[in-house]
Amino acid sequence: MPTDNLTTKNPEVFKVFDASTGHITKKDDELLKAQVKDSFHPLIIYPYDCGCFVYVLYGPKDLQEHMDSMKEYGFSHDFITLFAIAAFSGSKFLCLDCDGPTYSDIPFFKW
């Protein structure tokens, strides 16, 4: 199969911050899963079998508003910090996966 047609000039490629679900609390996990049934949920979430993708690409003003609404909704300080790390790294999504990488400088929860 020729590969000449499989390329494009200047493709848009985005970053994903990949982390273990162990970096969120059990309550955070429950709040993420609640998004399916709650039209007032502050986050855009794409669940899959082993975790979820959380949309994080917001401008500075919108990011602060989202962080405030996450706090009001009940998300932990640790989850909001993880969300902010993903956003400030330029990622479009935070991927929380049960087999995702762990980071020694981010709190880890065994639940």
N, C-alpha and C. Protein backbone atom coordinates (compact mmCIF):
# COMPACT_ATOMS: atom_id res chain seq x y z
N MET A 1 0.85 -1.18 0.00
CA MET A 1 0.00 0.00 0.00
C MET A 1 0.89 1.24 0.00
N PRO A 2 0.70 2.13 -0.95
CA PRO A 2 1.53 3.34 -0.97
C PRO A 2 1.17 4.27 0.19
N THR A 3 2.19 4.90 0.72
CA THR A 3 1.97 5.78 1.87
C THR A 3 1.90 7.25 1.49
N ASP A 4 2.06 7.59 0.21
CA ASP A 4 2.04 9.00 -0.20
C ASP A 4 0.71 9.68 0.16
N ASN A 5 -0.38 8.96 0.08
CA ASN A 5 -1.70 9.55 0.34
C ASN A 5 -2.07 9.55 1.83
N LEU A 6 -1.18 9.06 2.67
CA LEU A 6 -1.48 8.98 4.10
C LEU A 6 -0.91 10.14 4.89
N THR A 7 -0.47 11.16 4.21
CA THR A 7 0.08 12.33 4.90
C THR A 7 -0.70 13.57 4.49
N THR A 8 -0.61 14.56 5.32
CA THR A 8 -1.20 15.86 5.00
C THR A 8 -0.25 16.93 5.51
N LYS A 9 -0.31 18.07 4.90
CA LYS A 9 0.56 19.16 5.33
C LYS A 9 -0.02 19.80 6.57
N ASN A 10 0.79 20.03 7.56
CA ASN A 10 0.42 20.71 8.79
C ASN A 10 -0.81 20.13 9.49
N PRO A 11 -0.78 18.85 9.84
CA PRO A 11 -1.93 18.29 10.55
C PRO A 11 -2.05 18.91 11.94
N GLU A 12 -3.28 19.02 12.41
CA GLU A 12 -3.49 19.53 13.77
C GLU A 12 -3.34 18.35 14.72
N VAL A 13 -2.37 18.45 15.61
CA VAL A 13 -2.10 17.41 16.59
C VAL A 13 -2.25 18.03 17.96
N PHE A 14 -2.93 17.34 18.88
CA PHE A 14 -3.10 17.91 20.21
C PHE A 14 -2.52 17.00 21.27
N LYS A 15 -2.24 17.60 22.44
CA LYS A 15 -1.65 16.89 23.56
C LYS A 15 -2.74 16.35 24.48
N VAL A 16 -2.42 15.22 25.10
CA VAL A 16 -3.28 14.63 26.12
C VAL A 16 -2.40 14.39 27.34
N PHE A 17 -2.85 14.86 28.50
CA PHE A 17 -2.15 14.59 29.76
C PHE A 17 -2.72 13.28 30.28
N ASP A 18 -1.89 12.25 30.35
CA ASP A 18 -2.30 10.89 30.72
C ASP A 18 -1.93 10.63 32.17
N ALA A 19 -2.91 10.20 32.98
CA ALA A 19 -2.66 9.95 34.40
C ALA A 19 -3.51 8.79 34.89
N SER A 20 -3.04 8.14 35.91
CA SER A 20 -3.77 7.05 36.55
C SER A 20 -5.01 7.59 37.27
N THR A 21 -6.08 6.78 37.27
CA THR A 21 -7.26 7.14 38.05
C THR A 21 -6.94 7.16 39.54
N GLY A 22 -5.81 6.59 39.93
CA GLY A 22 -5.38 6.66 41.32
C GLY A 22 -5.05 8.07 41.79
N HIS A 23 -4.91 8.99 40.85
CA HIS A 23 -4.64 10.38 41.21
C HIS A 23 -5.90 11.17 41.52
N ILE A 24 -7.06 10.50 41.48
CA ILE A 24 -8.30 11.16 41.88
C ILE A 24 -8.93 10.37 43.02
N THR A 25 -9.77 11.03 43.79
CA THR A 25 -10.43 10.36 44.91
C THR A 25 -11.62 9.55 44.40
N LYS A 26 -12.10 8.65 45.23
CA LYS A 26 -13.29 7.86 44.87
C LYS A 26 -14.48 8.79 44.62
N LYS A 27 -14.61 9.83 45.44
CA LYS A 27 -15.70 10.79 45.24
C LYS A 27 -15.56 11.50 43.88
N ASP A 28 -14.32 11.88 43.51
CA ASP A 28 -14.09 12.50 42.21
C ASP A 28 -14.54 11.56 41.09
N ASP A 29 -14.21 10.28 41.22
CA ASP A 29 -14.60 9.28 40.23
C ASP A 29 -16.13 9.22 40.12
N GLU A 30 -16.81 9.23 41.25
CA GLU A 30 -18.28 9.20 41.25
C GLU A 30 -18.85 10.46 40.60
N LEU A 31 -18.23 11.60 40.87
CA LEU A 31 -18.70 12.85 40.27
C LEU A 31 -18.47 12.86 38.76
N LEU A 32 -17.36 12.27 38.30
CA LEU A 32 -17.11 12.17 36.86
C LEU A 32 -18.17 11.30 36.21
N LYS A 33 -18.49 10.18 36.83
CA LYS A 33 -19.49 9.26 36.28
C LYS A 33 -20.89 9.87 36.30
N ALA A 34 -21.14 10.81 37.20
CA ALA A 34 -22.44 11.46 37.31
C ALA A 34 -22.74 12.34 36.10
N GLN A 35 -21.71 12.73 35.35
CA GLN A 35 -21.88 13.62 34.21
C GLN A 35 -22.85 13.04 33.19
N VAL A 36 -22.91 11.74 33.07
CA VAL A 36 -23.78 11.08 32.10
C VAL A 36 -25.24 11.45 32.36
N LYS A 37 -25.62 11.63 33.63
CA LYS A 37 -27.00 11.88 34.00
C LYS A 37 -27.30 13.33 34.39
N ASP A 38 -26.28 14.17 34.45
CA ASP A 38 -26.46 15.52 34.99
C ASP A 38 -26.15 16.58 33.94
N SER A 39 -27.17 17.25 33.45
CA SER A 39 -26.97 18.28 32.42
C SER A 39 -26.30 19.55 32.97
N PHE A 40 -26.20 19.67 34.30
CA PHE A 40 -25.56 20.84 34.91
C PHE A 40 -24.12 20.54 35.34
N HIS A 41 -23.61 19.39 34.95
CA HIS A 41 -22.23 18.99 35.30
C HIS A 41 -21.26 20.00 34.70
N PRO A 42 -20.23 20.41 35.47
CA PRO A 42 -19.32 21.45 34.98
C PRO A 42 -18.29 20.99 33.95
N LEU A 43 -18.21 19.68 33.66
CA LEU A 43 -17.16 19.18 32.77
C LEU A 43 -17.74 18.47 31.56
N ILE A 44 -16.93 18.42 30.50
CA ILE A 44 -17.25 17.63 29.32
C ILE A 44 -16.39 16.37 29.42
N ILE A 45 -17.05 15.23 29.48
CA ILE A 45 -16.35 13.97 29.74
C ILE A 45 -16.72 12.94 28.69
N TYR A 46 -15.72 12.19 28.24
CA TYR A 46 -15.91 11.10 27.30
C TYR A 46 -15.46 9.81 27.98
N PRO A 47 -16.40 9.05 28.57
CA PRO A 47 -16.01 7.82 29.27
C PRO A 47 -15.68 6.68 28.31
N TYR A 48 -14.86 5.77 28.78
CA TYR A 48 -14.57 4.52 28.07
C TYR A 48 -14.34 3.45 29.12
N ASP A 49 -14.14 2.22 28.72
CA ASP A 49 -14.10 1.09 29.65
C ASP A 49 -13.13 1.25 30.81
N CYS A 50 -11.97 1.82 30.58
CA CYS A 50 -10.93 1.87 31.62
C CYS A 50 -10.73 3.25 32.23
N GLY A 51 -11.58 4.20 31.89
CA GLY A 51 -11.42 5.55 32.43
C GLY A 51 -12.23 6.56 31.65
N CYS A 52 -11.66 7.74 31.48
CA CYS A 52 -12.38 8.78 30.73
C CYS A 52 -11.40 9.85 30.24
N PHE A 53 -11.86 10.59 29.25
CA PHE A 53 -11.17 11.78 28.79
C PHE A 53 -11.97 12.97 29.31
N VAL A 54 -11.28 13.95 29.88
CA VAL A 54 -11.91 15.16 30.39
C VAL A 54 -11.38 16.32 29.55
N TYR A 55 -12.29 17.07 28.94
CA TYR A 55 -11.89 18.21 28.11
C TYR A 55 -11.33 19.32 29.01
N VAL A 56 -10.14 19.82 28.68
CA VAL A 56 -9.49 20.83 29.54
C VAL A 56 -9.03 22.08 28.80
N LEU A 57 -9.26 22.17 27.50
CA LEU A 57 -8.71 23.29 26.74
C LEU A 57 -9.60 24.52 26.87
N TYR A 58 -9.28 25.35 27.83
CA TYR A 58 -10.02 26.58 28.08
C TYR A 58 -9.04 27.73 28.15
N GLY A 59 -9.51 28.94 27.85
CA GLY A 59 -8.69 30.13 28.02
C GLY A 59 -8.55 30.44 29.50
N PRO A 60 -7.61 31.33 29.89
CA PRO A 60 -7.38 31.62 31.31
C PRO A 60 -8.63 32.03 32.09
N LYS A 61 -9.48 32.89 31.52
CA LYS A 61 -10.69 33.32 32.21
C LYS A 61 -11.65 32.14 32.36
N ASP A 62 -11.86 31.41 31.27
CA ASP A 62 -12.76 30.26 31.31
C ASP A 62 -12.23 29.18 32.24
N LEU A 63 -10.91 28.99 32.26
CA LEU A 63 -10.32 27.97 33.13
C LEU A 63 -10.64 28.28 34.59
N GLN A 64 -10.47 29.52 35.01
CA GLN A 64 -10.77 29.88 36.40
C GLN A 64 -12.24 29.65 36.72
N GLU A 65 -13.12 30.02 35.80
CA GLU A 65 -14.56 29.78 36.00
C GLU A 65 -14.85 28.28 36.13
N HIS A 66 -14.21 27.47 35.30
CA HIS A 66 -14.41 26.02 35.38
C HIS A 66 -13.88 25.46 36.69
N MET A 67 -12.74 25.94 37.12
CA MET A 67 -12.18 25.46 38.39
C MET A 67 -13.11 25.84 39.55
N ASP A 68 -13.65 27.04 39.52
CA ASP A 68 -14.60 27.47 40.56
C ASP A 68 -15.86 26.60 40.54
N SER A 69 -16.37 26.32 39.35
CA SER A 69 -17.59 25.50 39.26
C SER A 69 -17.32 24.05 39.67
N MET A 70 -16.11 23.55 39.41
CA MET A 70 -15.76 22.19 39.87
C MET A 70 -15.73 22.14 41.39
N LYS A 71 -15.18 23.18 42.01
CA LYS A 71 -15.14 23.24 43.46
C LYS A 71 -16.56 23.26 44.03
N GLU A 72 -17.42 24.10 43.45
CA GLU A 72 -18.81 24.17 43.89
C GLU A 72 -19.53 22.84 43.71
N TYR A 73 -19.20 22.12 42.66
CA TYR A 73 -19.85 20.84 42.36
C TYR A 73 -19.41 19.74 43.33
N GLY A 74 -18.24 19.94 43.97
CA GLY A 74 -17.77 18.98 44.96
C GLY A 74 -16.48 18.26 44.64
N PHE A 75 -15.84 18.61 43.51
CA PHE A 75 -14.57 17.97 43.17
C PHE A 75 -13.50 18.38 44.19
N SER A 76 -12.59 17.45 44.46
CA SER A 76 -11.53 17.69 45.44
C SER A 76 -10.51 18.70 44.91
N HIS A 77 -9.80 19.30 45.84
CA HIS A 77 -8.70 20.22 45.49
C HIS A 77 -7.68 19.48 44.63
N ASP A 78 -7.42 18.20 44.95
CA ASP A 78 -6.43 17.42 44.19
C ASP A 78 -6.87 17.21 42.74
N PHE A 79 -8.16 16.94 42.52
CA PHE A 79 -8.65 16.77 41.15
C PHE A 79 -8.52 18.09 40.39
N ILE A 80 -8.93 19.18 41.02
CA ILE A 80 -8.88 20.48 40.36
C ILE A 80 -7.43 20.85 40.02
N THR A 81 -6.50 20.51 40.90
CA THR A 81 -5.08 20.75 40.62
C THR A 81 -4.61 19.92 39.44
N LEU A 82 -5.02 18.65 39.38
CA LEU A 82 -4.65 17.78 38.26
C LEU A 82 -5.22 18.34 36.95
N PHE A 83 -6.46 18.79 36.99
CA PHE A 83 -7.10 19.42 35.84
C PHE A 83 -6.30 20.64 35.39
N ALA A 84 -5.90 21.48 36.35
CA ALA A 84 -5.13 22.69 36.03
C ALA A 84 -3.76 22.34 35.45
N ILE A 85 -3.11 21.32 35.98
CA ILE A 85 -1.81 20.89 35.43
C ILE A 85 -1.98 20.50 33.96
N ALA A 86 -3.04 19.75 33.67
CA ALA A 86 -3.30 19.34 32.28
C ALA A 86 -3.52 20.57 31.41
N ALA A 87 -4.34 21.51 31.90
CA ALA A 87 -4.64 22.71 31.12
C ALA A 87 -3.39 23.56 30.89
N PHE A 88 -2.59 23.78 31.93
CA PHE A 88 -1.40 24.62 31.80
C PHE A 88 -0.30 23.95 30.99
N SER A 89 -0.37 22.63 30.83
CA SER A 89 0.62 21.95 29.99
C SER A 89 0.27 22.06 28.51
N GLY A 90 -0.88 22.67 28.22
CA GLY A 90 -1.31 22.83 26.83
C GLY A 90 -2.07 21.63 26.30
N SER A 91 -2.50 20.74 27.18
CA SER A 91 -3.24 19.56 26.76
C SER A 91 -4.68 19.93 26.44
N LYS A 92 -5.25 19.20 25.50
CA LYS A 92 -6.66 19.40 25.15
C LYS A 92 -7.55 18.51 26.04
N PHE A 93 -6.98 17.38 26.48
CA PHE A 93 -7.72 16.45 27.33
C PHE A 93 -6.86 15.97 28.49
N LEU A 94 -7.51 15.66 29.59
CA LEU A 94 -6.93 14.92 30.70
C LEU A 94 -7.46 13.51 30.54
N CYS A 95 -6.59 12.55 30.35
CA CYS A 95 -7.00 11.15 30.23
C CYS A 95 -6.75 10.49 31.58
N LEU A 96 -7.83 10.03 32.20
CA LEU A 96 -7.72 9.30 33.46
C LEU A 96 -7.98 7.83 33.15
N ASP A 97 -6.96 7.01 33.33
CA ASP A 97 -7.03 5.61 32.94
C ASP A 97 -6.56 4.74 34.10
N CYS A 98 -7.24 3.61 34.33
CA CYS A 98 -6.85 2.74 35.45
C CYS A 98 -5.42 2.23 35.31
N ASP A 99 -4.90 2.16 34.08
CA ASP A 99 -3.52 1.74 33.85
C ASP A 99 -2.62 2.90 33.45
N GLY A 100 -3.09 4.12 33.67
CA GLY A 100 -2.32 5.31 33.30
C GLY A 100 -1.10 5.49 34.19
N PRO A 101 -0.19 6.34 33.77
CA PRO A 101 1.03 6.57 34.54
C PRO A 101 0.74 7.29 35.86
N THR A 102 1.61 7.03 36.83
CA THR A 102 1.52 7.72 38.11
C THR A 102 2.69 8.69 38.21
N TYR A 103 2.47 9.75 38.98
CA TYR A 103 3.46 10.81 39.13
C TYR A 103 3.75 10.99 40.61
N SER A 104 5.02 10.96 40.96
CA SER A 104 5.41 11.02 42.37
C SER A 104 5.09 12.36 43.02
N ASP A 105 4.96 13.41 42.23
CA ASP A 105 4.70 14.74 42.79
C ASP A 105 3.21 15.09 42.82
N ILE A 106 2.33 14.13 42.49
CA ILE A 106 0.89 14.33 42.53
C ILE A 106 0.31 13.29 43.50
N PRO A 107 -0.56 13.70 44.43
CA PRO A 107 -1.11 12.75 45.39
C PRO A 107 -1.76 11.54 44.70
N PHE A 108 -1.61 10.38 45.35
CA PHE A 108 -2.17 9.12 44.84
C PHE A 108 -3.10 8.53 45.89
N PHE A 109 -4.28 8.08 45.47
CA PHE A 109 -5.28 7.57 46.40
C PHE A 109 -5.53 6.08 46.10
N LYS A 110 -5.52 5.28 47.15
CA LYS A 110 -5.84 3.85 47.02
C LYS A 110 -7.27 3.64 47.48
N TRP A 111 -8.15 3.41 46.53
CA TRP A 111 -9.55 3.22 46.87
C TRP A 111 -10.14 2.02 46.18
